[in-house]
Protein backbone atom coordinates (compact mmCIF):
# COMPACT_ATOMS: atom_id res chain seq x y z
CA ASP A 1 -24.40 13.06 15.76
CA ASN A 2 -24.33 12.53 12.03
CA VAL A 3 -20.57 11.87 11.81
CA VAL A 4 -19.24 8.38 11.30
CA GLU A 5 -15.53 8.28 12.12
CA MET A 6 -13.01 5.91 10.45
CA LEU A 7 -9.39 5.15 11.28
CA GLY A 8 -8.31 5.14 7.63
CA ALA A 9 -9.70 6.34 4.33
CA LEU A 10 -12.50 5.21 2.07
CA HIS A 11 -11.25 2.44 -0.29
CA ARG A 12 -12.20 -0.29 -2.71
CA VAL A 13 -10.21 -3.30 -1.22
CA THR A 14 -12.27 -6.38 -0.77
CA PRO A 15 -11.06 -10.05 -0.54
CA ALA A 16 -12.91 -10.80 -3.79
CA ARG A 17 -11.31 -7.99 -5.72
CA LEU A 18 -7.81 -8.95 -4.43
CA GLU A 19 -8.38 -12.60 -5.43
CA GLU A 20 -9.76 -11.65 -8.89
CA HIS A 21 -6.82 -9.36 -9.70
CA ALA A 22 -4.13 -11.67 -8.15
CA THR A 23 -5.40 -14.63 -10.25
CA ARG A 24 -4.89 -12.59 -13.52
CA LEU A 25 -1.28 -11.49 -12.48
CA VAL A 26 0.00 -14.97 -11.33
CA PRO A 27 1.87 -15.59 -14.67
CA THR A 28 3.63 -12.23 -14.59
CA VAL A 29 5.24 -12.82 -11.16
CA ALA A 30 5.74 -16.57 -11.36
CA GLN A 31 9.52 -16.08 -11.78
CA LEU A 32 9.86 -14.01 -8.59
CA PRO A 33 11.27 -15.72 -5.49
CA ARG A 34 9.55 -15.75 -2.11
CA PRO A 35 8.82 -13.83 0.04
CA ARG A 36 7.07 -11.63 -2.46
CA VAL A 37 6.80 -8.04 -1.40
CA ALA A 38 4.35 -5.53 -2.89
CA VAL A 39 5.88 -2.05 -2.99
CA MET A 40 3.61 0.93 -3.55
CA ILE A 41 5.28 4.20 -4.36
CA GLY A 42 3.37 7.41 -4.36
CA GLY A 43 4.61 10.79 -5.36
CA SER A 44 5.05 14.48 -4.34
CA ASN A 45 2.26 16.47 -2.61
CA ARG A 46 2.10 19.49 -0.30
CA CYS A 47 3.75 17.52 2.49
CA TYR A 48 6.24 15.32 0.90
CA GLN A 49 8.54 15.78 -2.01
CA LEU A 50 9.53 12.48 -3.92
CA THR A 51 12.56 13.70 -5.86
CA PRO A 52 14.88 11.51 -8.00
CA GLU A 53 17.27 11.50 -5.01
CA VAL A 54 14.53 10.14 -2.87
CA GLY A 55 13.78 7.64 -5.52
CA ARG A 56 17.38 6.45 -5.58
CA ASP A 57 17.38 5.99 -1.82
CA ILE A 58 14.10 3.91 -1.97
CA GLY A 59 15.57 1.91 -4.87
CA ASP A 60 18.73 1.24 -2.86
CA ARG A 61 16.73 0.03 0.16
CA LEU A 62 14.58 -2.16 -1.96
CA ALA A 63 17.51 -3.72 -3.74
CA ALA A 64 19.21 -4.42 -0.41
CA LEU A 65 16.07 -6.17 0.69
CA ALA A 66 15.96 -8.26 -2.43
CA ARG A 67 19.69 -9.29 -2.03
CA ASP A 68 19.72 -9.79 1.77
CA ARG A 69 16.32 -11.59 2.07
CA GLY A 70 16.02 -13.10 -1.40
CA ALA A 71 12.70 -11.23 -1.71
CA GLY A 72 10.84 -10.91 -4.99
CA LEU A 73 9.62 -7.34 -5.41
CA MET A 74 6.47 -6.24 -7.01
CA VAL A 75 6.81 -2.57 -7.46
CA SER A 76 4.12 -0.13 -8.55
CA THR A 77 4.46 3.54 -9.02
CA SER A 78 1.51 5.91 -9.21
CA ARG A 79 0.22 8.78 -11.39
CA ARG A 80 2.04 11.09 -8.96
CA SER A 81 5.35 9.56 -9.14
CA GLY A 82 6.44 11.03 -12.44
CA PRO A 83 9.04 9.69 -14.90
CA ALA A 84 12.15 11.01 -13.07
CA LEU A 85 11.32 9.31 -9.82
CA THR A 86 10.28 6.10 -11.57
CA ALA A 87 13.51 6.05 -13.54
CA ALA A 88 15.55 6.55 -10.41
CA VAL A 89 13.92 3.62 -8.70
CA LYS A 90 14.26 1.43 -11.86
CA ARG A 91 18.06 2.08 -12.08
CA GLN A 92 18.70 1.00 -8.52
CA LEU A 93 16.73 -2.16 -8.98
CA GLN A 94 18.76 -3.43 -11.88
CA GLY A 95 20.22 -6.95 -11.09
CA VAL A 96 17.62 -7.97 -8.45
CA SER A 97 14.50 -10.01 -8.72
CA HIS A 98 11.56 -7.58 -9.37
CA VAL A 99 8.81 -6.50 -11.64
CA LEU A 100 8.09 -2.82 -12.01
CA TRP A 101 4.87 -1.24 -13.29
CA GLU A 102 5.61 2.06 -14.87
CA GLY A 103 2.17 3.10 -16.00
CA GLN A 104 1.60 1.05 -19.19
CA GLY A 105 -1.16 -1.54 -19.49
CA GLU A 106 -3.54 -2.69 -16.74
CA ASN A 107 -2.76 -1.29 -13.31
CA PRO A 108 -1.49 -4.29 -11.15
CA TYR A 109 -2.13 -2.45 -7.90
CA PHE A 110 -4.83 -4.79 -6.44
CA GLY A 111 -3.16 -7.84 -7.94
CA TYR A 112 0.18 -6.96 -6.13
CA LEU A 113 -1.71 -6.52 -2.91
CA GLY A 114 -3.37 -9.92 -3.37
CA LEU A 115 -0.25 -11.76 -4.24
CA ALA A 116 2.06 -10.15 -1.64
CA GLU A 117 3.23 -11.71 1.68
CA TYR A 118 4.46 -8.36 2.85
CA VAL A 119 3.49 -4.79 1.70
CA LEU A 120 5.71 -1.71 1.69
CA VAL A 121 4.03 1.69 1.20
CA THR A 122 5.55 5.20 0.94
CA CYS A 123 4.15 7.45 3.73
CA ASP A 124 2.76 10.09 1.41
CA SER A 125 -0.64 8.57 0.89
CA VAL A 126 -3.31 7.92 3.53
CA SER A 127 -5.32 5.87 0.98
CA MET A 128 -2.44 3.52 0.04
CA VAL A 129 -1.65 2.81 3.66
CA THR A 130 -5.29 2.21 4.44
CA GLU A 131 -5.70 -0.12 1.53
CA ALA A 132 -2.54 -2.09 2.35
CA CYS A 133 -3.76 -2.61 5.90
CA ALA A 134 -7.16 -3.80 4.61
CA THR A 135 -5.30 -6.87 3.24
CA GLY A 136 -4.49 -8.18 6.71
CA LYS A 137 -0.77 -8.63 5.64
CA PRO A 138 2.21 -7.10 7.43
CA VAL A 139 2.47 -3.46 6.30
CA TYR A 140 5.69 -1.47 6.39
CA VAL A 141 5.68 2.28 5.84
CA ILE A 142 8.66 3.87 4.06
CA ASP A 143 9.18 7.23 5.84
CA LEU A 144 10.11 10.25 3.71
CA PRO A 145 11.44 13.80 4.47
CA GLY A 146 8.66 16.14 5.29
CA GLY A 147 5.14 15.59 6.65
CA SER A 148 2.44 17.45 8.52
CA ARG A 149 0.50 17.13 11.77
CA LYS A 150 -2.25 15.31 9.93
CA PHE A 151 0.15 12.72 8.39
CA LEU A 152 2.03 12.26 11.70
CA GLU A 153 -1.08 11.65 13.70
CA PHE A 154 -2.43 9.22 11.03
CA HIS A 155 0.76 7.16 10.98
CA ALA A 156 1.03 7.19 14.76
CA ALA A 157 -2.58 5.85 15.03
CA PHE A 158 -1.86 3.00 12.63
CA ARG A 159 1.35 2.08 14.34
CA ASP A 160 -0.25 2.14 17.77
CA ALA A 161 -3.08 0.00 16.56
CA GLY A 162 -0.52 -2.63 15.30
CA TYR A 163 -1.33 -2.23 11.62
CA THR A 164 1.96 -0.84 10.42
CA ARG A 165 5.61 -0.68 11.31
CA PRO A 166 8.36 1.58 9.95
CA PHE A 167 10.44 0.07 7.26
CA THR A 168 14.04 -0.39 8.43
CA GLY A 169 15.14 -2.99 5.90
CA VAL A 170 13.97 -6.04 7.93
CA LEU A 171 10.89 -8.21 7.33
CA GLU A 172 9.13 -9.63 10.27
CA HIS A 173 5.86 -11.46 10.13
CA TRP A 174 3.20 -10.39 12.60
CA SER A 175 -0.52 -11.24 12.79
CA ARG A 176 -3.15 -8.47 12.58
CA PRO A 177 -6.68 -8.94 11.30
CA PRO A 178 -7.52 -6.85 8.21
CA LEU A 179 -8.56 -3.26 8.78
CA THR A 180 -12.34 -3.41 8.59
CA ASP A 181 -13.44 0.17 9.58
CA MET A 182 -14.75 0.75 6.03
CA GLU A 183 -17.14 -2.13 6.33
CA GLN A 184 -18.14 -1.06 9.83
CA ALA A 185 -18.80 2.47 8.60
CA VAL A 186 -20.93 1.35 5.77
CA ALA A 187 -22.90 -0.87 8.20
CA GLU A 188 -23.41 2.03 10.56
CA ILE A 189 -24.54 4.35 7.81
CA LYS A 190 -27.07 1.82 6.61
CA ARG A 191 -28.26 1.38 10.17
CA ARG A 192 -28.87 5.09 10.58
CA LEU A 193 -30.63 5.44 7.25
CA ALA A 194 -32.90 2.54 8.08
CA ARG A 195 -33.69 4.14 11.47
CA ALA A 196 -34.60 7.33 9.57
CA GLY A 197 -36.88 5.33 7.20
CA ILE A 198 -34.64 5.69 4.19
CA ALA A 199 -34.26 2.52 2.03
CA THR A 200 -30.69 1.39 1.04
CA GLY A 201 -29.82 -0.69 -1.98
CA SER A 202 -26.99 -3.21 -2.54
CA HIS A 203 -24.63 -0.39 -3.43
């Protein structure tokens, strides 16, 4: 009875945070053509291995998207990506319109989510997929070799609910309200605490 279930993970994405970070980043992506696509690349874990070879394949697919669709790419690696994977992606993106965050300076993660018209996310992170879906924008998942039952069930649930689609090199616009199970979970927890006579603050 004390369990509150969510479809996705706990996260910090809010419209206000996205707008604040996007506003600061506008000058750094002004040269990019539209549509602007945020690309969130994770890294190796127990279920997926993001090797330099995988990085080259991701980079090739992103470069083709930029050439074929005229898309402007806003690419962010993560702490788990590592220099070899990042370098492999970077090499393949030479000659196409993109900006690539390699870990120096302010992390543009929320800004890229706020500025994007489409979001691409590697499948190795439940959190990144959840946060992308909280924007209400079309989210494509980049499938990778490997996986586990937990990941497969998670991705199937998001596809079935209409929040994500597999990335096949094509961008299609579809309408889906932002994922709000985080807000619903917080409201339910506050309701239960109030029922138990426990006061809750603004945090």
